[in-house]
Amino acid sequence: MDALNAPALQQVRYDASARVIRLTIDASWALLDVNGVVVRRGYGREIQVRSVRSGMYFVRTVHTTAKVLVK
């Protein structure tokens, strides 16, 4: 696969002050707890995590899976 046809790299960042997980591109996503249970799912660039407990989560998109510590 060449650079022109490669999927965009998906970056995942946690904004602790806003309690939001931000994605670099619009994507379908799932937020999973450490046991692999889907806590939330949706589409877009932001995942609101105000209503989830603090702890370790995984954000899964078509392009990547990233580990996020929600505080």
PDB file of N, CA and C in Angstrom:
ATOM      1  N   MET A   1       0.863  -1.178   0.000  1.00  0.00           N
ATOM      2  CA  MET A   1       0.000   0.000   0.000  1.00  0.00           C
ATOM      3  C   MET A   1       0.903   1.232   0.000  1.00  0.00           C
ATOM      4  N   ASP A   2       0.685   2.149  -0.919  1.00  0.00           N
ATOM      5  CA  ASP A   2       1.513   3.340  -0.957  1.00  0.00           C
ATOM      6  C   ASP A   2       0.931   4.429  -0.055  1.00  0.00           C
ATOM      7  N   ALA A   3       1.687   5.521   0.084  1.00  0.00           N
ATOM      8  CA  ALA A   3       1.301   6.586   1.009  1.00  0.00           C
ATOM      9  C   ALA A   3      -0.024   7.239   0.623  1.00  0.00           C
ATOM     10  N   LEU A   4      -0.327   7.292  -0.667  1.00  0.00           N
ATOM     11  CA  LEU A   4      -1.576   7.928  -1.091  1.00  0.00           C
ATOM     12  C   LEU A   4      -2.799   7.091  -0.738  1.00  0.00           C
ATOM     13  N   ASN A   5      -2.645   5.775  -0.680  1.00  0.00           N
ATOM     14  CA  ASN A   5      -3.772   4.896  -0.385  1.00  0.00           C
ATOM     15  C   ASN A   5      -3.793   4.403   1.061  1.00  0.00           C
ATOM     16  N   ALA A   6      -2.808   4.790   1.850  1.00  0.00           N
ATOM     17  CA  ALA A   6      -2.740   4.346   3.245  1.00  0.00           C
ATOM     18  C   ALA A   6      -3.835   5.027   4.055  1.00  0.00           C
ATOM     19  N   PRO A   7      -4.454   4.302   4.992  1.00  0.00           N
ATOM     20  CA  PRO A   7      -5.450   4.936   5.849  1.00  0.00           C
ATOM     21  C   PRO A   7      -4.790   5.990   6.739  1.00  0.00           C
ATOM     22  N   ALA A   8      -5.535   7.023   7.065  1.00  0.00           N
ATOM     23  CA  ALA A   8      -5.012   8.079   7.928  1.00  0.00           C
ATOM     24  C   ALA A   8      -4.703   7.512   9.312  1.00  0.00           C
ATOM     25  N   LEU A   9      -3.590   7.963   9.879  1.00  0.00           N
ATOM     26  CA  LEU A   9      -3.253   7.524  11.222  1.00  0.00           C
ATOM     27  C   LEU A   9      -4.228   8.143  12.205  1.00  0.00           C
ATOM     28  N   GLN A  10      -4.822   7.329  13.026  1.00  0.00           N
ATOM     29  CA  GLN A  10      -5.787   7.787  14.016  1.00  0.00           C
ATOM     30  C   GLN A  10      -5.059   8.023  15.331  1.00  0.00           C
ATOM     31  N   GLN A  11      -5.109   9.240  15.837  1.00  0.00           N
ATOM     32  CA  GLN A  11      -4.521   9.537  17.130  1.00  0.00           C
ATOM     33  C   GLN A  11      -5.637   9.760  18.134  1.00  0.00           C
ATOM     34  N   VAL A  12      -5.378   9.318  19.357  1.00  0.00           N
ATOM     35  CA  VAL A  12      -6.355   9.417  20.433  1.00  0.00           C
ATOM     36  C   VAL A  12      -5.714  10.190  21.568  1.00  0.00           C
ATOM     37  N   ARG A  13      -6.373  11.254  22.028  1.00  0.00           N
ATOM     38  CA  ARG A  13      -5.848  12.069  23.134  1.00  0.00           C
ATOM     39  C   ARG A  13      -6.950  12.299  24.161  1.00  0.00           C
ATOM     40  N   TYR A  14      -6.568  12.257  25.423  1.00  0.00           N
ATOM     41  CA  TYR A  14      -7.516  12.485  26.514  1.00  0.00           C
ATOM     42  C   TYR A  14      -7.331  13.887  27.058  1.00  0.00           C
ATOM     43  N   ASP A  15      -8.407  14.660  27.114  1.00  0.00           N
ATOM     44  CA  ASP A  15      -8.418  15.999  27.703  1.00  0.00           C
ATOM     45  C   ASP A  15      -9.063  15.876  29.074  1.00  0.00           C
ATOM     46  N   ALA A  16      -8.221  15.801  30.117  1.00  0.00           N
ATOM     47  CA  ALA A  16      -8.711  15.557  31.478  1.00  0.00           C
ATOM     48  C   ALA A  16      -9.579  16.706  31.994  1.00  0.00           C
ATOM     49  N   SER A  17      -9.256  17.947  31.632  1.00  0.00           N
ATOM     50  CA  SER A  17     -10.029  19.079  32.142  1.00  0.00           C
ATOM     51  C   SER A  17     -11.454  19.082  31.588  1.00  0.00           C
ATOM     52  N   ALA A  18     -11.626  18.620  30.355  1.00  0.00           N
ATOM     53  CA  ALA A  18     -12.961  18.567  29.738  1.00  0.00           C
ATOM     54  C   ALA A  18     -13.596  17.187  29.863  1.00  0.00           C
ATOM     55  N   ARG A  19     -12.813  16.183  30.325  1.00  0.00           N
ATOM     56  CA  ARG A  19     -13.244  14.780  30.376  1.00  0.00           C
ATOM     57  C   ARG A  19     -13.794  14.338  29.027  1.00  0.00           C
ATOM     58  N   VAL A  20     -12.956  14.562  28.010  1.00  0.00           N
ATOM     59  CA  VAL A  20     -13.286  14.222  26.624  1.00  0.00           C
ATOM     60  C   VAL A  20     -12.094  13.500  26.016  1.00  0.00           C
ATOM     61  N   ILE A  21     -12.360  12.447  25.266  1.00  0.00           N
ATOM     62  CA  ILE A  21     -11.337  11.791  24.466  1.00  0.00           C
ATOM     63  C   ILE A  21     -11.503  12.321  23.053  1.00  0.00           C
ATOM     64  N   ARG A  22     -10.411  12.819  22.485  1.00  0.00           N
ATOM     65  CA  ARG A  22     -10.465  13.418  21.148  1.00  0.00           C
ATOM     66  C   ARG A  22      -9.747  12.535  20.135  1.00  0.00           C
ATOM     67  N   LEU A  23     -10.399  12.365  18.984  1.00  0.00           N
ATOM     68  CA  LEU A  23      -9.832  11.627  17.865  1.00  0.00           C
ATOM     69  C   LEU A  23      -9.421  12.628  16.791  1.00  0.00           C
ATOM     70  N   THR A  24      -8.420  12.293  15.980  1.00  0.00           N
ATOM     71  CA  THR A  24      -7.950  13.228  14.958  1.00  0.00           C
ATOM     72  C   THR A  24      -8.855  13.275  13.730  1.00  0.00           C
ATOM     73  N   ILE A  25      -9.620  12.216  13.499  1.00  0.00           N
ATOM     74  CA  ILE A  25     -10.544  12.205  12.357  1.00  0.00           C
ATOM     75  C   ILE A  25     -11.900  11.669  12.809  1.00  0.00           C
ATOM     76  N   ASP A  26     -12.947  12.038  12.094  1.00  0.00           N
ATOM     77  CA  ASP A  26     -14.259  11.460  12.374  1.00  0.00           C
ATOM     78  C   ASP A  26     -14.192   9.957  12.133  1.00  0.00           C
ATOM     79  N   ALA A  27     -14.701   9.199  13.083  1.00  0.00           N
ATOM     80  CA  ALA A  27     -14.646   7.744  12.955  1.00  0.00           C
ATOM     81  C   ALA A  27     -15.722   7.106  13.817  1.00  0.00           C
ATOM     82  N   SER A  28     -16.132   5.914  13.443  1.00  0.00           N
ATOM     83  CA  SER A  28     -16.962   5.091  14.334  1.00  0.00           C
ATOM     84  C   SER A  28     -16.031   4.587  15.424  1.00  0.00           C
ATOM     85  N   TRP A  29     -16.470   4.635  16.672  1.00  0.00           N
ATOM     86  CA  TRP A  29     -15.629   4.233  17.784  1.00  0.00           C
ATOM     87  C   TRP A  29     -16.421   3.448  18.808  1.00  0.00           C
ATOM     88  N   ALA A  30     -15.692   2.707  19.626  1.00  0.00           N
ATOM     89  CA  ALA A  30     -16.269   2.007  20.772  1.00  0.00           C
ATOM     90  C   ALA A  30     -15.342   2.242  21.953  1.00  0.00           C
ATOM     91  N   LEU A  31     -15.913   2.516  23.109  1.00  0.00           N
ATOM     92  CA  LEU A  31     -15.166   2.687  24.352  1.00  0.00           C
ATOM     93  C   LEU A  31     -15.384   1.422  25.167  1.00  0.00           C
ATOM     94  N   LEU A  32     -14.283   0.704  25.447  1.00  0.00           N
ATOM     95  CA  LEU A  32     -14.360  -0.571  26.163  1.00  0.00           C
ATOM     96  C   LEU A  32     -13.665  -0.466  27.511  1.00  0.00           C
ATOM     97  N   ASP A  33     -14.201  -1.160  28.515  1.00  0.00           N
ATOM     98  CA  ASP A  33     -13.520  -1.219  29.801  1.00  0.00           C
ATOM     99  C   ASP A  33     -12.425  -2.280  29.733  1.00  0.00           C
ATOM    100  N   VAL A  34     -11.691  -2.484  30.827  1.00  0.00           N
ATOM    101  CA  VAL A  34     -10.564  -3.423  30.817  1.00  0.00           C
ATOM    102  C   VAL A  34     -10.994  -4.866  30.612  1.00  0.00           C
ATOM    103  N   ASN A  35     -12.277  -5.160  30.799  1.00  0.00           N
ATOM    104  CA  ASN A  35     -12.794  -6.510  30.574  1.00  0.00           C
ATOM    105  C   ASN A  35     -13.289  -6.710  29.141  1.00  0.00           C
ATOM    106  N   GLY A  36     -13.188  -5.670  28.317  1.00  0.00           N
ATOM    107  CA  GLY A  36     -13.631  -5.768  26.932  1.00  0.00           C
ATOM    108  C   GLY A  36     -15.102  -5.491  26.733  1.00  0.00           C
ATOM    109  N   VAL A  37     -15.779  -5.025  27.766  1.00  0.00           N
ATOM    110  CA  VAL A  37     -17.205  -4.703  27.681  1.00  0.00           C
ATOM    111  C   VAL A  37     -17.366  -3.312  27.076  1.00  0.00           C
ATOM    112  N   VAL A  38     -18.216  -3.203  26.057  1.00  0.00           N
ATOM    113  CA  VAL A  38     -18.460  -1.909  25.425  1.00  0.00           C
ATOM    114  C   VAL A  38     -19.253  -1.032  26.384  1.00  0.00           C
ATOM    115  N   VAL A  39     -18.661   0.108  26.740  1.00  0.00           N
ATOM    116  CA  VAL A  39     -19.294   1.066  27.651  1.00  0.00           C
ATOM    117  C   VAL A  39     -20.110   2.084  26.863  1.00  0.00           C
ATOM    118  N   ARG A  40     -19.546   2.524  25.746  1.00  0.00           N
ATOM    119  CA  ARG A  40     -20.226   3.474  24.859  1.00  0.00           C
ATOM    120  C   ARG A  40     -19.760   3.208  23.442  1.00  0.00           C
ATOM    121  N   ARG A  41     -20.567   3.634  22.473  1.00  0.00           N
ATOM    122  CA  ARG A  41     -20.134   3.603  21.077  1.00  0.00           C
ATOM    123  C   ARG A  41     -20.776   4.784  20.362  1.00  0.00           C
ATOM    124  N   GLY A  42     -20.154   5.186  19.267  1.00  0.00           N
ATOM    125  CA  GLY A  42     -20.676   6.329  18.538  1.00  0.00           C
ATOM    126  C   GLY A  42     -19.854   6.639  17.313  1.00  0.00           C
ATOM    127  N   TYR A  43     -20.035   7.863  16.805  1.00  0.00           N
ATOM    128  CA  TYR A  43     -19.316   8.326  15.624  1.00  0.00           C
ATOM    129  C   TYR A  43     -18.942   9.786  15.829  1.00  0.00           C
ATOM    130  N   GLY A  44     -17.742  10.158  15.431  1.00  0.00           N
ATOM    131  CA  GLY A  44     -17.307  11.550  15.518  1.00  0.00           C
ATOM    132  C   GLY A  44     -15.878  11.657  15.988  1.00  0.00           C
ATOM    133  N   ARG A  45     -15.511  12.882  16.389  1.00  0.00           N
ATOM    134  CA  ARG A  45     -14.147  13.157  16.847  1.00  0.00           C
ATOM    135  C   ARG A  45     -14.031  13.265  18.356  1.00  0.00           C
ATOM    136  N   GLU A  46     -15.137  13.292  19.068  1.00  0.00           N
ATOM    137  CA  GLU A  46     -15.091  13.441  20.525  1.00  0.00           C
ATOM    138  C   GLU A  46     -15.904  12.356  21.216  1.00  0.00           C
ATOM    139  N   ILE A  47     -15.346  11.872  22.321  1.00  0.00           N
ATOM    140  CA  ILE A  47     -16.034  10.892  23.158  1.00  0.00           C
ATOM    141  C   ILE A  47     -16.167  11.513  24.542  1.00  0.00           C
ATOM    142  N   GLN A  48     -17.386  11.836  24.945  1.00  0.00           N
ATOM    143  CA  GLN A  48     -17.630  12.404  26.275  1.00  0.00           C
ATOM    144  C   GLN A  48     -17.509  11.293  27.315  1.00  0.00           C
ATOM    145  N   VAL A  49     -16.684  11.507  28.335  1.00  0.00           N
ATOM    146  CA  VAL A  49     -16.503  10.488  29.371  1.00  0.00           C
ATOM    147  C   VAL A  49     -16.829  11.030  30.763  1.00  0.00           C
ATOM    148  N   ARG A  50     -17.656  12.069  30.818  1.00  0.00           N
ATOM    149  CA  ARG A  50     -18.053  12.625  32.116  1.00  0.00           C
ATOM    150  C   ARG A  50     -18.826  11.614  32.955  1.00  0.00           C
ATOM    151  N   SER A  51     -19.571  10.739  32.291  1.00  0.00           N
ATOM    152  CA  SER A  51     -20.439   9.814  33.021  1.00  0.00           C
ATOM    153  C   SER A  51     -19.797   8.451  33.283  1.00  0.00           C
ATOM    154  N   VAL A  52     -18.548   8.249  32.873  1.00  0.00           N
ATOM    155  CA  VAL A  52     -17.898   6.967  33.141  1.00  0.00           C
ATOM    156  C   VAL A  52     -16.965   7.104  34.337  1.00  0.00           C
ATOM    157  N   ARG A  53     -16.771   6.001  35.030  1.00  0.00           N
ATOM    158  CA  ARG A  53     -15.885   6.000  36.191  1.00  0.00           C
ATOM    159  C   ARG A  53     -14.435   6.176  35.762  1.00  0.00           C
ATOM    160  N   SER A  54     -13.638   6.695  36.652  1.00  0.00           N
ATOM    161  CA  SER A  54     -12.199   6.801  36.400  1.00  0.00           C
ATOM    162  C   SER A  54     -11.623   5.403  36.254  1.00  0.00           C
ATOM    163  N   GLY A  55     -10.628   5.275  35.400  1.00  0.00           N
ATOM    164  CA  GLY A  55      -9.979   3.987  35.206  1.00  0.00           C
ATOM    165  C   GLY A  55      -9.424   3.840  33.807  1.00  0.00           C
ATOM    166  N   MET A  56      -8.969   2.650  33.492  1.00  0.00           N
ATOM    167  CA  MET A  56      -8.373   2.351  32.196  1.00  0.00           C
ATOM    168  C   MET A  56      -9.461   1.911  31.216  1.00  0.00           C
ATOM    169  N   TYR A  57      -9.408   2.463  30.007  1.00  0.00           N
ATOM    170  CA  TYR A  57     -10.348   2.126  28.944  1.00  0.00           C
ATOM    171  C   TYR A  57      -9.587   1.948  27.641  1.00  0.00           C
ATOM    172  N   PHE A  58     -10.231   1.336  26.675  1.00  0.00           N
ATOM    173  CA  PHE A  58      -9.686   1.197  25.338  1.00  0.00           C
ATOM    174  C   PHE A  58     -10.648   1.869  24.370  1.00  0.00           C
ATOM    175  N   VAL A  59     -10.096   2.631  23.436  1.00  0.00           N
ATOM    176  CA  VAL A  59     -10.881   3.241  22.370  1.00  0.00           C
ATOM    177  C   VAL A  59     -10.548   2.457  21.105  1.00  0.00           C
ATOM    178  N   ARG A  60     -11.575   1.859  20.515  1.00  0.00           N
ATOM    179  CA  ARG A  60     -11.380   1.068  19.301  1.00  0.00           C
ATOM    180  C   ARG A  60     -12.052   1.770  18.123  1.00  0.00           C
ATOM    181  N   THR A  61     -11.281   1.972  17.058  1.00  0.00           N
ATOM    182  CA  THR A  61     -11.812   2.491  15.799  1.00  0.00           C
ATOM    183  C   THR A  61     -11.423   1.497  14.709  1.00  0.00           C
ATOM    184  N   VAL A  62     -11.809   1.787  13.482  1.00  0.00           N
ATOM    185  CA  VAL A  62     -11.447   0.932  12.362  1.00  0.00           C
ATOM    186  C   VAL A  62      -9.921   0.886  12.211  1.00  0.00           C
ATOM    187  N   HIS A  63      -9.261   2.004  12.480  1.00  0.00           N
ATOM    188  CA  HIS A  63      -7.823   2.113  12.227  1.00  0.00           C
ATOM    189  C   HIS A  63      -6.947   1.759  13.402  1.00  0.00           C
ATOM    190  N   THR A  64      -7.441   1.792  14.618  1.00  0.00           N
ATOM    191  CA  THR A  64      -6.561   1.605  15.776  1.00  0.00           C
ATOM    192  C   THR A  64      -7.327   1.217  17.026  1.00  0.00           C
ATOM    193  N   THR A  65      -6.588   0.730  17.996  1.00  0.00           N
ATOM    194  CA  THR A  65      -7.086   0.565  19.357  1.00  0.00           C
ATOM    195  C   THR A  65      -6.080   1.248  20.267  1.00  0.00           C
ATOM    196  N   ALA A  66      -6.561   2.133  21.130  1.00  0.00           N
ATOM    197  CA  ALA A  66      -5.671   2.896  22.005  1.00  0.00           C
ATOM    198  C   ALA A  66      -6.125   2.747  23.452  1.00  0.00           C
ATOM    199  N   LYS A  67      -5.156   2.720  24.351  1.00  0.00           N
ATOM    200  CA  LYS A  67      -5.426   2.649  25.787  1.00  0.00           C
ATOM    201  C   LYS A  67      -5.479   4.068  26.339  1.00  0.00           C
ATOM    202  N   VAL A  68      -6.507   4.354  27.150  1.00  0.00           N
ATOM    203  CA  VAL A  68      -6.702   5.689  27.713  1.00  0.00           C
ATOM    204  C   VAL A  68      -6.986   5.560  29.205  1.00  0.00           C
ATOM    205  N   LEU A  69      -6.290   6.369  30.007  1.00  0.00           N
ATOM    206  CA  LEU A  69      -6.552   6.423  31.441  1.00  0.00           C
ATOM    207  C   LEU A  69      -7.464   7.609  31.705  1.00  0.00           C
ATOM    208  N   VAL A  70      -8.702   7.347  32.087  1.00  0.00           N
ATOM    209  CA  VAL A  70      -9.680   8.405  32.392  1.00  0.00           C
ATOM    210  C   VAL A  70      -9.556   8.726  33.868  1.00  0.00           C
ATOM    211  N   LYS A  71      -9.328  10.002  34.173  1.00  0.00           N
ATOM    212  CA  LYS A  71      -9.161  10.443  35.572  1.00  0.00           C
ATOM    213  C   LYS A  71     -10.354  11.235  36.031  1.00  0.00           C
TER     214      LYS A  71
END
